[in-house]
Amino acid sequence: MTYSSAAIKAFSALGDPTRREIFERLALGPTAVGELAANLPITRPAVSQHLRVLKEAQLVTETSKGTRHLYRLDPRGIGAMREWLDGHWARALTAFKDFADAEFEAENKSQKENEK
């Protein structure tokens, strides 16, 4: 999967407010499904389903500790989103620089013509 498609999949997964809430809670540290469900207005199976979507988007990973399954953020998905945003940010800054340079040139040209 390319960074672009991975990023789009990750952003799409975070489009759901409940998944964003789960993601933000996992940013605080590894958490079991039961702990997540206890603090959300949805059932434990619903939390598991949201975690599956986040896992498929490479935003969370799952590890087993005995009978507990702990979920934590996965840096791969976050990295894909960051790289995608950085690429767009770089292009936006370049476009802004080009615009500002053109405006500066036009202003200087106008001032020179007014001085004549």
C-alpha atoms as a PDB file:
ATOM      1  CA  MET A   1       0.000   0.000   0.000  1.00  0.00           C
ATOM      2  CA  THR A   2       1.424   3.408  -0.935  1.00  0.00           C
ATOM      3  CA  TYR A   3       1.605   6.196   1.601  1.00  0.00           C
ATOM      4  CA  SER A   4      -1.094   8.060  -0.283  1.00  0.00           C
ATOM      5  CA  SER A   5      -3.606   5.212  -0.210  1.00  0.00           C
ATOM      6  CA  ALA A   6      -2.627   4.346   3.381  1.00  0.00           C
ATOM      7  CA  ALA A   7      -3.180   7.976   4.376  1.00  0.00           C
ATOM      8  CA  ILE A   8      -6.561   8.134   2.658  1.00  0.00           C
ATOM      9  CA  LYS A   9      -7.612   4.917   4.400  1.00  0.00           C
ATOM     10  CA  ALA A  10      -6.463   6.308   7.757  1.00  0.00           C
ATOM     11  CA  PHE A  11      -8.221   9.648   7.278  1.00  0.00           C
ATOM     12  CA  SER A  12     -11.355   7.821   6.193  1.00  0.00           C
ATOM     13  CA  ALA A  13     -11.281   5.646   9.313  1.00  0.00           C
ATOM     14  CA  LEU A  14     -10.996   8.757  11.465  1.00  0.00           C
ATOM     15  CA  GLY A  15     -14.002  10.291   9.714  1.00  0.00           C
ATOM     16  CA  ASP A  16     -16.233   8.580  12.258  1.00  0.00           C
ATOM     17  CA  PRO A  17     -16.499  10.502  15.558  1.00  0.00           C
ATOM     18  CA  THR A  18     -16.530   7.335  17.673  1.00  0.00           C
ATOM     19  CA  ARG A  19     -13.360   6.048  16.010  1.00  0.00           C
ATOM     20  CA  ARG A  20     -11.721   9.443  16.544  1.00  0.00           C
ATOM     21  CA  GLU A  21     -12.639   9.238  20.228  1.00  0.00           C
ATOM     22  CA  ILE A  22     -11.177   5.730  20.484  1.00  0.00           C
ATOM     23  CA  PHE A  23      -8.044   6.897  18.632  1.00  0.00           C
ATOM     24  CA  GLU A  24      -7.628   9.845  21.007  1.00  0.00           C
ATOM     25  CA  ARG A  25      -8.049   7.609  24.053  1.00  0.00           C
ATOM     26  CA  LEU A  26      -5.435   5.202  22.705  1.00  0.00           C
ATOM     27  CA  ALA A  27      -3.064   8.137  22.291  1.00  0.00           C
ATOM     28  CA  LEU A  28      -2.961   8.229  26.095  1.00  0.00           C
ATOM     29  CA  GLY A  29      -1.613   4.675  26.196  1.00  0.00           C
ATOM     30  CA  PRO A  30      -2.372   1.005  25.526  1.00  0.00           C
ATOM     31  CA  THR A  31      -5.921   0.095  26.486  1.00  0.00           C
ATOM     32  CA  ALA A  32      -8.073  -3.041  26.549  1.00  0.00           C
ATOM     33  CA  VAL A  33     -11.431  -3.209  24.765  1.00  0.00           C
ATOM     34  CA  GLY A  34     -13.322  -3.428  28.032  1.00  0.00           C
ATOM     35  CA  GLU A  35     -11.706  -0.263  29.354  1.00  0.00           C
ATOM     36  CA  LEU A  36     -12.521   1.588  26.151  1.00  0.00           C
ATOM     37  CA  ALA A  37     -16.128   0.347  26.164  1.00  0.00           C
ATOM     38  CA  ALA A  38     -16.619   1.348  29.810  1.00  0.00           C
ATOM     39  CA  ASN A  39     -16.031   4.995  28.892  1.00  0.00           C
ATOM     40  CA  LEU A  40     -18.019   5.121  25.659  1.00  0.00           C
ATOM     41  CA  PRO A  41     -21.787   5.139  25.022  1.00  0.00           C
ATOM     42  CA  ILE A  42     -21.544   2.039  22.802  1.00  0.00           C
ATOM     43  CA  THR A  43     -21.333  -1.694  23.436  1.00  0.00           C
ATOM     44  CA  ARG A  44     -18.144  -3.669  23.729  1.00  0.00           C
ATOM     45  CA  PRO A  45     -18.809  -5.474  20.401  1.00  0.00           C
ATOM     46  CA  ALA A  46     -19.264  -2.063  18.743  1.00  0.00           C
ATOM     47  CA  VAL A  47     -15.928  -0.902  20.179  1.00  0.00           C
ATOM     48  CA  SER A  48     -14.329  -4.081  18.813  1.00  0.00           C
ATOM     49  CA  GLN A  49     -15.754  -3.346  15.387  1.00  0.00           C
ATOM     50  CA  HIS A  50     -14.404   0.207  15.450  1.00  0.00           C
ATOM     51  CA  LEU A  51     -11.012  -1.116  16.548  1.00  0.00           C
ATOM     52  CA  ARG A  52     -11.043  -3.543  13.614  1.00  0.00           C
ATOM     53  CA  VAL A  53     -11.537  -0.621  11.196  1.00  0.00           C
ATOM     54  CA  LEU A  54      -8.736   1.344  12.883  1.00  0.00           C
ATOM     55  CA  LYS A  55      -6.504  -1.724  12.727  1.00  0.00           C
ATOM     56  CA  GLU A  56      -7.201  -2.231   9.005  1.00  0.00           C
ATOM     57  CA  ALA A  57      -6.274   1.426   8.472  1.00  0.00           C
ATOM     58  CA  GLN A  58      -2.984   0.766  10.316  1.00  0.00           C
ATOM     59  CA  LEU A  59      -3.887   3.261  13.013  1.00  0.00           C
ATOM     60  CA  VAL A  60      -3.846   0.777  15.897  1.00  0.00           C
ATOM     61  CA  THR A  61      -2.107  -2.485  16.712  1.00  0.00           C
ATOM     62  CA  GLU A  62      -3.217  -5.285  18.983  1.00  0.00           C
ATOM     63  CA  THR A  63      -1.096  -7.283  21.395  1.00  0.00           C
ATOM     64  CA  SER A  64      -2.176 -10.069  23.715  1.00  0.00           C
ATOM     65  CA  LYS A  65      -1.249 -10.180  27.374  1.00  0.00           C
ATOM     66  CA  GLY A  66      -2.755 -13.352  28.746  1.00  0.00           C
ATOM     67  CA  THR A  67      -6.459 -13.168  28.014  1.00  0.00           C
ATOM     68  CA  ARG A  68      -6.383  -9.389  27.510  1.00  0.00           C
ATOM     69  CA  HIS A  69      -6.011  -7.761  24.135  1.00  0.00           C
ATOM     70  CA  LEU A  70      -4.343  -4.386  24.376  1.00  0.00           C
ATOM     71  CA  TYR A  71      -4.655  -1.819  21.621  1.00  0.00           C
ATOM     72  CA  ARG A  72      -2.215   0.997  21.008  1.00  0.00           C
ATOM     73  CA  LEU A  73      -1.540   3.524  18.263  1.00  0.00           C
ATOM     74  CA  ASP A  74       0.334   2.258  15.228  1.00  0.00           C
ATOM     75  CA  PRO A  75       2.969   4.717  13.980  1.00  0.00           C
ATOM     76  CA  ARG A  76       2.693   3.390  10.402  1.00  0.00           C
ATOM     77  CA  GLY A  77      -0.764   4.875   9.799  1.00  0.00           C
ATOM     78  CA  ILE A  78       0.088   8.088  11.571  1.00  0.00           C
ATOM     79  CA  GLY A  79       3.283   8.340   9.523  1.00  0.00           C
ATOM     80  CA  ALA A  80       1.345   7.851   6.297  1.00  0.00           C
ATOM     81  CA  MET A  81      -1.036  10.662   7.227  1.00  0.00           C
ATOM     82  CA  ARG A  82       1.863  12.902   8.191  1.00  0.00           C
ATOM     83  CA  GLU A  83       3.710  12.278   4.924  1.00  0.00           C
ATOM     84  CA  TRP A  84       0.547  12.955   2.906  1.00  0.00           C
ATOM     85  CA  LEU A  85      -0.091  16.203   4.803  1.00  0.00           C
ATOM     86  CA  ASP A  86       3.562  17.248   4.523  1.00  0.00           C
ATOM     87  CA  GLY A  87       3.401  16.800   0.749  1.00  0.00           C
ATOM     88  CA  HIS A  88       0.329  18.983   0.476  1.00  0.00           C
ATOM     89  CA  TRP A  89       1.752  21.512   2.922  1.00  0.00           C
ATOM     90  CA  ALA A  90       4.962  21.807   0.901  1.00  0.00           C
ATOM     91  CA  ARG A  91       2.981  22.398  -2.307  1.00  0.00           C
ATOM     92  CA  ALA A  92       0.761  24.949  -0.550  1.00  0.00           C
ATOM     93  CA  LEU A  93       3.801  26.847   0.738  1.00  0.00           C
ATOM     94  CA  THR A  94       5.392  26.831  -2.716  1.00  0.00           C
ATOM     95  CA  ALA A  95       2.166  28.150  -4.254  1.00  0.00           C
ATOM     96  CA  PHE A  96       1.965  30.867  -1.604  1.00  0.00           C
ATOM     97  CA  LYS A  97       5.605  31.848  -2.210  1.00  0.00           C
ATOM     98  CA  ASP A  98       4.975  32.056  -5.972  1.00  0.00           C
ATOM     99  CA  PHE A  99       1.870  34.191  -5.347  1.00  0.00           C
ATOM    100  CA  ALA A 100       3.708  36.505  -2.941  1.00  0.00           C
ATOM    101  CA  ASP A 101       6.634  36.862  -5.365  1.00  0.00           C
ATOM    102  CA  ALA A 102       4.274  37.722  -8.226  1.00  0.00           C
ATOM    103  CA  GLU A 103       2.467  40.295  -6.075  1.00  0.00           C
ATOM    104  CA  PHE A 104       5.789  41.835  -5.039  1.00  0.00           C
ATOM    105  CA  GLU A 105       6.923  42.033  -8.668  1.00  0.00           C
ATOM    106  CA  ALA A 106       3.622  43.613  -9.728  1.00  0.00           C
ATOM    107  CA  GLU A 107       3.807  46.154  -6.897  1.00  0.00           C
ATOM    108  CA  ASN A 108       7.408  47.082  -7.771  1.00  0.00           C
ATOM    109  CA  LYS A 109       6.508  47.443 -11.447  1.00  0.00           C
ATOM    110  CA  SER A 110       3.549  49.674 -10.556  1.00  0.00           C
ATOM    111  CA  GLN A 111       5.715  51.867  -8.296  1.00  0.00           C
ATOM    112  CA  LYS A 112       8.364  52.246 -11.003  1.00  0.00           C
ATOM    113  CA  GLU A 113       5.723  53.261 -13.559  1.00  0.00           C
ATOM    114  CA  ASN A 114       4.284  55.832 -11.109  1.00  0.00           C
ATOM    115  CA  GLU A 115       7.740  57.335 -10.578  1.00  0.00           C
ATOM    116  CA  LYS A 116       8.057  58.130 -14.297  1.00  0.00           C
END
